Protein backbone atom coordinates (compact mmCIF):
# COMPACT_ATOMS: atom_id res chain seq x y z
CA UNK A 1 0.00 0.00 0.00
CA UNK A 2 2.82 2.44 0.81
CA UNK A 3 4.40 1.91 -2.58
CA UNK A 4 1.04 2.72 -4.19
CA UNK A 5 0.72 5.96 -2.20
CA UNK A 6 4.27 7.01 -3.08
CA UNK A 7 3.71 6.20 -6.76
CA UNK A 8 0.50 8.24 -6.89
CA UNK A 9 2.25 11.25 -5.35
CA UNK A 10 5.23 10.95 -7.72
CA UNK A 11 2.90 10.66 -10.72
CA UNK A 12 1.12 13.82 -9.59
CA UNK A 13 4.43 15.68 -9.32
CA UNK A 14 5.42 14.49 -12.79
CA UNK A 15 2.22 16.02 -14.18
CA UNK A 16 2.65 19.31 -12.29
CA UNK A 17 4.42 22.05 -14.28
CA UNK A 18 5.27 24.26 -11.28
CA UNK A 19 7.05 21.70 -9.07
CA UNK A 20 9.71 19.33 -10.41
CA UNK A 21 9.62 15.70 -9.36
CA UNK A 22 13.43 15.90 -9.45
CA UNK A 23 13.51 18.62 -6.76
CA UNK A 24 11.15 16.98 -4.27
CA UNK A 25 11.69 13.48 -2.87
CA UNK A 26 8.53 11.60 -1.95
CA UNK A 27 8.51 8.87 0.73
CA UNK A 28 5.69 7.15 2.56
CA UNK A 29 6.05 6.02 6.16
CA UNK A 30 3.19 4.43 8.10
CA UNK A 31 0.72 5.72 5.51
CA UNK A 32 1.94 9.31 5.69
CA UNK A 33 3.54 11.00 2.68
CA UNK A 34 6.77 12.79 3.53
CA UNK A 35 8.36 15.37 1.24
CA UNK A 36 11.98 16.42 1.23
CA UNK A 37 13.81 18.69 -1.16
CA UNK A 38 14.13 22.24 -2.35
CA UNK A 39 11.99 24.61 -4.36
CA UNK A 40 12.70 28.03 -5.79
CA UNK A 41 9.78 29.74 -4.07
CA UNK A 42 7.49 29.41 -1.08
CA UNK A 43 4.58 29.02 -3.50
CA UNK A 44 6.21 25.96 -5.07
CA UNK A 45 6.74 24.44 -1.63
CA UNK A 46 3.11 25.04 -0.73
CA UNK A 47 1.98 23.56 -4.05
CA UNK A 48 4.10 20.46 -3.37
CA UNK A 49 2.28 20.02 -0.06
CA UNK A 50 -1.09 20.40 -1.78
CA UNK A 51 -0.20 17.83 -4.41
CA UNK A 52 0.91 15.28 -1.82
CA UNK A 53 -2.07 15.96 0.47
CA UNK A 54 -4.68 15.21 -2.19
CA UNK A 55 -3.11 11.90 -3.27
PDB file of N, CA and C in Angstrom:
ATOM      1  N   UNK A   1       0.821  -1.201   0.000  1.00  0.00           N
ATOM      2  CA  UNK A   1       0.000   0.000   0.000  1.00  0.00           C
ATOM      3  C   UNK A   1       0.867   1.268   0.000  1.00  0.00           C
ATOM      4  N   UNK A   2       1.972   1.244   0.752  1.00  0.00           N
ATOM      5  CA  UNK A   2       2.816   2.440   0.815  1.00  0.00           C
ATOM      6  C   UNK A   2       3.446   2.741  -0.538  1.00  0.00           C
ATOM      7  N   UNK A   3       3.826   1.699  -1.263  1.00  0.00           N
ATOM      8  CA  UNK A   3       4.399   1.909  -2.585  1.00  0.00           C
ATOM      9  C   UNK A   3       3.370   2.553  -3.510  1.00  0.00           C
ATOM     10  N   UNK A   4       2.117   2.141  -3.385  1.00  0.00           N
ATOM     11  CA  UNK A   4       1.038   2.716  -4.187  1.00  0.00           C
ATOM     12  C   UNK A   4       0.875   4.204  -3.883  1.00  0.00           C
ATOM     13  N   UNK A   5       0.878   4.565  -2.607  1.00  0.00           N
ATOM     14  CA  UNK A   5       0.719   5.963  -2.202  1.00  0.00           C
ATOM     15  C   UNK A   5       1.876   6.802  -2.740  1.00  0.00           C
ATOM     16  N   UNK A   6       3.092   6.297  -2.589  1.00  0.00           N
ATOM     17  CA  UNK A   6       4.272   7.008  -3.082  1.00  0.00           C
ATOM     18  C   UNK A   6       4.202   7.184  -4.592  1.00  0.00           C
ATOM     19  N   UNK A   7       3.817   6.136  -5.297  1.00  0.00           N
ATOM     20  CA  UNK A   7       3.712   6.205  -6.758  1.00  0.00           C
ATOM     21  C   UNK A   7       2.673   7.221  -7.208  1.00  0.00           C
ATOM     22  N   UNK A   8       1.535   7.262  -6.536  1.00  0.00           N
ATOM     23  CA  UNK A   8       0.499   8.235  -6.887  1.00  0.00           C
ATOM     24  C   UNK A   8       1.005   9.660  -6.696  1.00  0.00           C
ATOM     25  N   UNK A   9       1.711   9.909  -5.608  1.00  0.00           N
ATOM     26  CA  UNK A   9       2.246  11.252  -5.355  1.00  0.00           C
ATOM     27  C   UNK A   9       3.301  11.611  -6.401  1.00  0.00           C
ATOM     28  N   UNK A  10       4.195  10.684  -6.722  1.00  0.00           N
ATOM     29  CA  UNK A  10       5.230  10.953  -7.723  1.00  0.00           C
ATOM     30  C   UNK A  10       4.610  11.204  -9.095  1.00  0.00           C
ATOM     31  N   UNK A  11       3.592  10.444  -9.445  1.00  0.00           N
ATOM     32  CA  UNK A  11       2.896  10.664 -10.719  1.00  0.00           C
ATOM     33  C   UNK A  11       2.286  12.061 -10.762  1.00  0.00           C
ATOM     34  N   UNK A  12       1.724  12.489  -9.645  1.00  0.00           N
ATOM     35  CA  UNK A  12       1.117  13.818  -9.587  1.00  0.00           C
ATOM     36  C   UNK A  12       2.181  14.903  -9.756  1.00  0.00           C
ATOM     37  N   UNK A  13       3.345  14.717  -9.156  1.00  0.00           N
ATOM     38  CA  UNK A  13       4.432  15.683  -9.318  1.00  0.00           C
ATOM     39  C   UNK A  13       4.920  15.716 -10.760  1.00  0.00           C
ATOM     40  N   UNK A  14       4.968  14.559 -11.408  1.00  0.00           N
ATOM     41  CA  UNK A  14       5.424  14.494 -12.792  1.00  0.00           C
ATOM     42  C   UNK A  14       4.483  15.273 -13.715  1.00  0.00           C
ATOM     43  N   UNK A  15       3.212  15.317 -13.367  1.00  0.00           N
ATOM     44  CA  UNK A  15       2.223  16.023 -14.183  1.00  0.00           C
ATOM     45  C   UNK A  15       2.098  17.506 -13.830  1.00  0.00           C
ATOM     46  N   UNK A  16       2.760  17.927 -12.777  1.00  0.00           N
ATOM     47  CA  UNK A  16       2.647  19.308 -12.289  1.00  0.00           C
ATOM     48  C   UNK A  16       3.744  20.178 -12.899  1.00  0.00           C
ATOM     49  N   UNK A  17       3.389  21.217 -13.628  1.00  0.00           N
ATOM     50  CA  UNK A  17       4.415  22.051 -14.275  1.00  0.00           C
ATOM     51  C   UNK A  17       5.171  22.985 -13.330  1.00  0.00           C
ATOM     52  N   UNK A  18       4.636  23.270 -12.157  1.00  0.00           N
ATOM     53  CA  UNK A  18       5.275  24.259 -11.280  1.00  0.00           C
ATOM     54  C   UNK A  18       6.246  23.656 -10.268  1.00  0.00           C
ATOM     55  N   UNK A  19       6.174  22.353 -10.048  1.00  0.00           N
ATOM     56  CA  UNK A  19       7.049  21.698  -9.071  1.00  0.00           C
ATOM     57  C   UNK A  19       7.687  20.488  -9.745  1.00  0.00           C
ATOM     58  N   UNK A  20       9.004  20.426  -9.743  1.00  0.00           N
ATOM     59  CA  UNK A  20       9.709  19.335 -10.408  1.00  0.00           C
ATOM     60  C   UNK A  20       9.800  18.104  -9.508  1.00  0.00           C
ATOM     61  N   UNK A  21       9.496  16.965 -10.088  1.00  0.00           N
ATOM     62  CA  UNK A  21       9.625  15.702  -9.361  1.00  0.00           C
ATOM     63  C   UNK A  21      11.097  15.433  -9.012  1.00  0.00           C
ATOM     64  N   UNK A  22      12.007  16.080  -9.725  1.00  0.00           N
ATOM     65  CA  UNK A  22      13.434  15.904  -9.454  1.00  0.00           C
ATOM     66  C   UNK A  22      13.912  16.742  -8.272  1.00  0.00           C
ATOM     67  N   UNK A  23      13.136  17.745  -7.866  1.00  0.00           N
ATOM     68  CA  UNK A  23      13.514  18.616  -6.758  1.00  0.00           C
ATOM     69  C   UNK A  23      12.906  18.192  -5.429  1.00  0.00           C
ATOM     70  N   UNK A  24      11.853  17.378  -5.488  1.00  0.00           N
ATOM     71  CA  UNK A  24      11.145  16.976  -4.274  1.00  0.00           C
ATOM     72  C   UNK A  24      11.128  15.454  -4.185  1.00  0.00           C
ATOM     73  N   UNK A  25      11.686  14.928  -3.113  1.00  0.00           N
ATOM     74  CA  UNK A  25      11.691  13.483  -2.871  1.00  0.00           C
ATOM     75  C   UNK A  25      10.417  13.114  -2.118  1.00  0.00           C
ATOM     76  N   UNK A  26       9.775  12.046  -2.553  1.00  0.00           N
ATOM     77  CA  UNK A  26       8.528  11.596  -1.945  1.00  0.00           C
ATOM     78  C   UNK A  26       8.765  10.250  -1.286  1.00  0.00           C
ATOM     79  N   UNK A  27       8.430  10.133  -0.013  1.00  0.00           N
ATOM     80  CA  UNK A  27       8.510   8.873   0.725  1.00  0.00           C
ATOM     81  C   UNK A  27       7.214   8.687   1.489  1.00  0.00           C
ATOM     82  N   UNK A  28       6.873   7.447   1.758  1.00  0.00           N
ATOM     83  CA  UNK A  28       5.692   7.151   2.562  1.00  0.00           C
ATOM     84  C   UNK A  28       6.130   6.311   3.753  1.00  0.00           C
ATOM     85  N   UNK A  29       5.710   6.723   4.933  1.00  0.00           N
ATOM     86  CA  UNK A  29       6.047   6.022   6.161  1.00  0.00           C
ATOM     87  C   UNK A  29       4.794   5.919   7.018  1.00  0.00           C
ATOM     88  N   UNK A  30       4.396   4.696   7.301  1.00  0.00           N
ATOM     89  CA  UNK A  30       3.192   4.434   8.096  1.00  0.00           C
ATOM     90  C   UNK A  30       1.971   5.153   7.517  1.00  0.00           C
ATOM     91  N   UNK A  31       1.868   5.132   6.184  1.00  0.00           N
ATOM     92  CA  UNK A  31       0.717   5.718   5.512  1.00  0.00           C
ATOM     93  C   UNK A  31       0.759   7.224   5.337  1.00  0.00           C
ATOM     94  N   UNK A  32       1.815   7.859   5.801  1.00  0.00           N
ATOM     95  CA  UNK A  32       1.938   9.314   5.687  1.00  0.00           C
ATOM     96  C   UNK A  32       2.970   9.656   4.611  1.00  0.00           C
ATOM     97  N   UNK A  33       2.617  10.562   3.722  1.00  0.00           N
ATOM     98  CA  UNK A  33       3.538  11.004   2.682  1.00  0.00           C
ATOM     99  C   UNK A  33       4.471  12.056   3.271  1.00  0.00           C
ATOM    100  N   UNK A  34       5.768  11.849   3.046  1.00  0.00           N
ATOM    101  CA  UNK A  34       6.773  12.790   3.525  1.00  0.00           C
ATOM    102  C   UNK A  34       7.496  13.373   2.315  1.00  0.00           C
ATOM    103  N   UNK A  35       7.668  14.675   2.325  1.00  0.00           N
ATOM    104  CA  UNK A  35       8.358  15.366   1.239  1.00  0.00           C
ATOM    105  C   UNK A  35       9.674  15.928   1.745  1.00  0.00           C
ATOM    106  N   UNK A  36      10.683  15.854   0.873  1.00  0.00           N
ATOM    107  CA  UNK A  36      11.981  16.424   1.226  1.00  0.00           C
ATOM    108  C   UNK A  36      12.597  16.956  -0.060  1.00  0.00           C
ATOM    109  N   UNK A  37      13.159  18.122   0.003  1.00  0.00           N
ATOM    110  CA  UNK A  37      13.808  18.691  -1.163  1.00  0.00           C
ATOM    111  C   UNK A  37      13.815  20.198  -1.110  1.00  0.00           C
ATOM    112  N   UNK A  38      14.068  20.785  -2.262  1.00  0.00           N
ATOM    113  CA  UNK A  38      14.133  22.241  -2.345  1.00  0.00           C
ATOM    114  C   UNK A  38      13.245  22.735  -3.486  1.00  0.00           C
ATOM    115  N   UNK A  39      12.749  23.928  -3.309  1.00  0.00           N
ATOM    116  CA  UNK A  39      11.992  24.613  -4.356  1.00  0.00           C
ATOM    117  C   UNK A  39      12.543  26.029  -4.476  1.00  0.00           C
ATOM    118  N   UNK A  40      12.208  26.668  -5.567  1.00  0.00           N
ATOM    119  CA  UNK A  40      12.697  28.031  -5.787  1.00  0.00           C
ATOM    120  C   UNK A  40      11.906  29.067  -5.002  1.00  0.00           C
ATOM    121  N   UNK A  41      10.632  28.766  -4.738  1.00  0.00           N
ATOM    122  CA  UNK A  41       9.782  29.742  -4.070  1.00  0.00           C
ATOM    123  C   UNK A  41       8.927  29.079  -2.991  1.00  0.00           C
ATOM    124  N   UNK A  42       8.414  29.890  -2.096  1.00  0.00           N
ATOM    125  CA  UNK A  42       7.494  29.407  -1.077  1.00  0.00           C
ATOM    126  C   UNK A  42       6.224  28.855  -1.731  1.00  0.00           C
ATOM    127  N   UNK A  43       5.792  29.481  -2.804  1.00  0.00           N
ATOM    128  CA  UNK A  43       4.579  29.022  -3.496  1.00  0.00           C
ATOM    129  C   UNK A  43       4.750  27.613  -4.048  1.00  0.00           C
ATOM    130  N   UNK A  44       5.944  27.309  -4.567  1.00  0.00           N
ATOM    131  CA  UNK A  44       6.210  25.957  -5.066  1.00  0.00           C
ATOM    132  C   UNK A  44       6.188  24.954  -3.922  1.00  0.00           C
ATOM    133  N   UNK A  45       6.741  25.324  -2.787  1.00  0.00           N
ATOM    134  CA  UNK A  45       6.735  24.437  -1.627  1.00  0.00           C
ATOM    135  C   UNK A  45       5.306  24.172  -1.156  1.00  0.00           C
ATOM    136  N   UNK A  46       4.501  25.209  -1.124  1.00  0.00           N
ATOM    137  CA  UNK A  46       3.107  25.039  -0.727  1.00  0.00           C
ATOM    138  C   UNK A  46       2.364  24.175  -1.730  1.00  0.00           C
ATOM    139  N   UNK A  47       2.634  24.367  -3.012  1.00  0.00           N
ATOM    140  CA  UNK A  47       1.981  23.557  -4.047  1.00  0.00           C
ATOM    141  C   UNK A  47       2.389  22.089  -3.913  1.00  0.00           C
ATOM    142  N   UNK A  48       3.641  21.836  -3.579  1.00  0.00           N
ATOM    143  CA  UNK A  48       4.099  20.458  -3.371  1.00  0.00           C
ATOM    144  C   UNK A  48       3.302  19.800  -2.243  1.00  0.00           C
ATOM    145  N   UNK A  49       3.087  20.538  -1.166  1.00  0.00           N
ATOM    146  CA  UNK A  49       2.280  20.019  -0.063  1.00  0.00           C
ATOM    147  C   UNK A  49       0.853  19.737  -0.476  1.00  0.00           C
ATOM    148  N   UNK A  50       0.285  20.615  -1.290  1.00  0.00           N
ATOM    149  CA  UNK A  50      -1.086  20.404  -1.775  1.00  0.00           C
ATOM    150  C   UNK A  50      -1.169  19.156  -2.649  1.00  0.00           C
ATOM    151  N   UNK A  51      -0.206  18.990  -3.525  1.00  0.00           N
ATOM    152  CA  UNK A  51      -0.196  17.828  -4.412  1.00  0.00           C
ATOM    153  C   UNK A  51      -0.152  16.538  -3.594  1.00  0.00           C
ATOM    154  N   UNK A  52       0.759  16.490  -2.629  1.00  0.00           N
ATOM    155  CA  UNK A  52       0.906  15.279  -1.820  1.00  0.00           C
ATOM    156  C   UNK A  52      -0.325  15.034  -0.937  1.00  0.00           C
ATOM    157  N   UNK A  53      -0.917  16.091  -0.430  1.00  0.00           N
ATOM    158  CA  UNK A  53      -2.069  15.963   0.465  1.00  0.00           C
ATOM    159  C   UNK A  53      -3.249  15.320  -0.240  1.00  0.00           C
ATOM    160  N   UNK A  54      -3.488  15.683  -1.475  1.00  0.00           N
ATOM    161  CA  UNK A  54      -4.676  15.209  -2.192  1.00  0.00           C
ATOM    162  C   UNK A  54      -4.474  13.872  -2.871  1.00  0.00           C
ATOM    163  N   UNK A  55      -3.352  13.226  -2.690  1.00  0.00           N
ATOM    164  CA  UNK A  55      -3.105  11.899  -3.271  1.00  0.00           C
ATOM    165  C   UNK A  55      -3.462  10.904  -2.242  1.00  0.00           C
TER     166      UNK A  55
END
